[in-house]
Amino acid sequence: MLENKDYELGDIVEMRKPHPCYSRSKQFEIVRLGADIKLKCCGCGNIIMIPRHIFNEKAKKVIK
């Protein structure tokens, strides 16, 4: 579980579960920060939006 200030815009984050796309990538790029966080899958390029409190539970680590 990540703390609130462990990530910034443009960081690559590894999630606990993979994105259900053809690449099964666990890595996402942070595109937008706010009450909701917008993430872009590094495998297929799809963009998802999840609430910050759920992101904090499901994010594993910041890669860069």
C-alpha atoms as a PDB file:
ATOM      1  CA  MET A   1       0.000   0.000   0.000  1.00  0.00           C
ATOM      2  CA  LEU A   2       1.361   3.402  -1.007  1.00  0.00           C
ATOM      3  CA  GLU A   3       1.147   6.564   1.019  1.00  0.00           C
ATOM      4  CA  ASN A   4      -0.523   9.628  -0.514  1.00  0.00           C
ATOM      5  CA  LYS A   5       2.700  11.467  -1.445  1.00  0.00           C
ATOM      6  CA  ASP A   6       4.757   8.579  -2.839  1.00  0.00           C
ATOM      7  CA  TYR A   7       3.851   9.318  -6.482  1.00  0.00           C
ATOM      8  CA  GLU A   8       3.688  12.199  -8.956  1.00  0.00           C
ATOM      9  CA  LEU A   9       2.345  12.936 -12.421  1.00  0.00           C
ATOM     10  CA  GLY A  10       4.143  10.851 -15.063  1.00  0.00           C
ATOM     11  CA  ASP A  11       5.332   8.124 -12.653  1.00  0.00           C
ATOM     12  CA  ILE A  12       5.117   4.466 -13.681  1.00  0.00           C
ATOM     13  CA  VAL A  13       3.336   2.452 -10.983  1.00  0.00           C
ATOM     14  CA  GLU A  14       3.107  -1.317 -10.561  1.00  0.00           C
ATOM     15  CA  MET A  15      -0.328  -2.518  -9.474  1.00  0.00           C
ATOM     16  CA  ARG A  16      -1.139  -5.742  -7.611  1.00  0.00           C
ATOM     17  CA  LYS A  17      -3.268  -7.210 -10.434  1.00  0.00           C
ATOM     18  CA  PRO A  18      -2.635  -6.981 -14.194  1.00  0.00           C
ATOM     19  CA  HIS A  19      -4.810  -5.034 -16.626  1.00  0.00           C
ATOM     20  CA  PRO A  20      -7.175  -7.450 -18.432  1.00  0.00           C
ATOM     21  CA  CYS A  21      -5.775  -6.634 -21.877  1.00  0.00           C
ATOM     22  CA  TYR A  22      -3.743  -8.752 -24.298  1.00  0.00           C
ATOM     23  CA  SER A  23      -0.417  -7.731 -22.701  1.00  0.00           C
ATOM     24  CA  ARG A  24      -1.472  -8.463 -19.072  1.00  0.00           C
ATOM     25  CA  SER A  25       0.705  -5.535 -17.957  1.00  0.00           C
ATOM     26  CA  LYS A  26       0.855  -4.564 -14.281  1.00  0.00           C
ATOM     27  CA  GLN A  27       2.512  -1.230 -15.090  1.00  0.00           C
ATOM     28  CA  PHE A  28       0.522   1.980 -15.452  1.00  0.00           C
ATOM     29  CA  GLU A  29       1.533   5.600 -16.050  1.00  0.00           C
ATOM     30  CA  ILE A  30      -0.134   8.285 -13.910  1.00  0.00           C
ATOM     31  CA  VAL A  31      -1.790  10.726 -16.318  1.00  0.00           C
ATOM     32  CA  ARG A  32      -3.907  12.823 -13.919  1.00  0.00           C
ATOM     33  CA  LEU A  33      -3.992  13.338 -10.151  1.00  0.00           C
ATOM     34  CA  GLY A  34      -6.909  14.567  -8.075  1.00  0.00           C
ATOM     35  CA  ALA A  35      -9.719  12.962  -6.089  1.00  0.00           C
ATOM     36  CA  ASP A  36      -9.663  10.367  -8.887  1.00  0.00           C
ATOM     37  CA  ILE A  37      -6.456   9.132 -10.501  1.00  0.00           C
ATOM     38  CA  LYS A  38      -6.273   8.537 -14.253  1.00  0.00           C
ATOM     39  CA  LEU A  39      -3.923   5.731 -15.282  1.00  0.00           C
ATOM     40  CA  LYS A  40      -2.698   4.668 -18.720  1.00  0.00           C
ATOM     41  CA  CYS A  41      -1.836   0.989 -19.242  1.00  0.00           C
ATOM     42  CA  CYS A  42       1.768   0.651 -20.423  1.00  0.00           C
ATOM     43  CA  GLY A  43       0.828  -2.455 -22.431  1.00  0.00           C
ATOM     44  CA  CYS A  44      -2.208  -1.467 -24.489  1.00  0.00           C
ATOM     45  CA  GLY A  45      -2.520   2.287 -23.882  1.00  0.00           C
ATOM     46  CA  ASN A  46      -6.069   2.193 -22.495  1.00  0.00           C
ATOM     47  CA  ILE A  47      -6.881   4.815 -19.865  1.00  0.00           C
ATOM     48  CA  ILE A  48      -8.730   3.979 -16.655  1.00  0.00           C
ATOM     49  CA  MET A  49      -9.866   6.216 -13.819  1.00  0.00           C
ATOM     50  CA  ILE A  50     -10.100   5.032 -10.208  1.00  0.00           C
ATOM     51  CA  PRO A  51     -10.697   6.814  -6.892  1.00  0.00           C
ATOM     52  CA  ARG A  52      -7.555   7.753  -4.975  1.00  0.00           C
ATOM     53  CA  HIS A  53      -8.361   5.622  -1.904  1.00  0.00           C
ATOM     54  CA  ILE A  54      -8.753   2.504  -4.081  1.00  0.00           C
ATOM     55  CA  PHE A  55      -5.534   3.363  -5.958  1.00  0.00           C
ATOM     56  CA  ASN A  56      -3.663   3.604  -2.635  1.00  0.00           C
ATOM     57  CA  GLU A  57      -4.856   0.095  -1.709  1.00  0.00           C
ATOM     58  CA  LYS A  58      -4.111  -1.547  -5.086  1.00  0.00           C
ATOM     59  CA  ALA A  59      -0.795   0.083  -5.999  1.00  0.00           C
ATOM     60  CA  LYS A  60       2.254  -1.997  -5.151  1.00  0.00           C
ATOM     61  CA  LYS A  61       5.251   0.274  -5.874  1.00  0.00           C
ATOM     62  CA  VAL A  62       6.474   3.236  -7.886  1.00  0.00           C
ATOM     63  CA  ILE A  63       8.941   2.171 -10.595  1.00  0.00           C
ATOM     64  CA  LYS A  64      10.065   5.615 -11.824  1.00  0.00           C
END
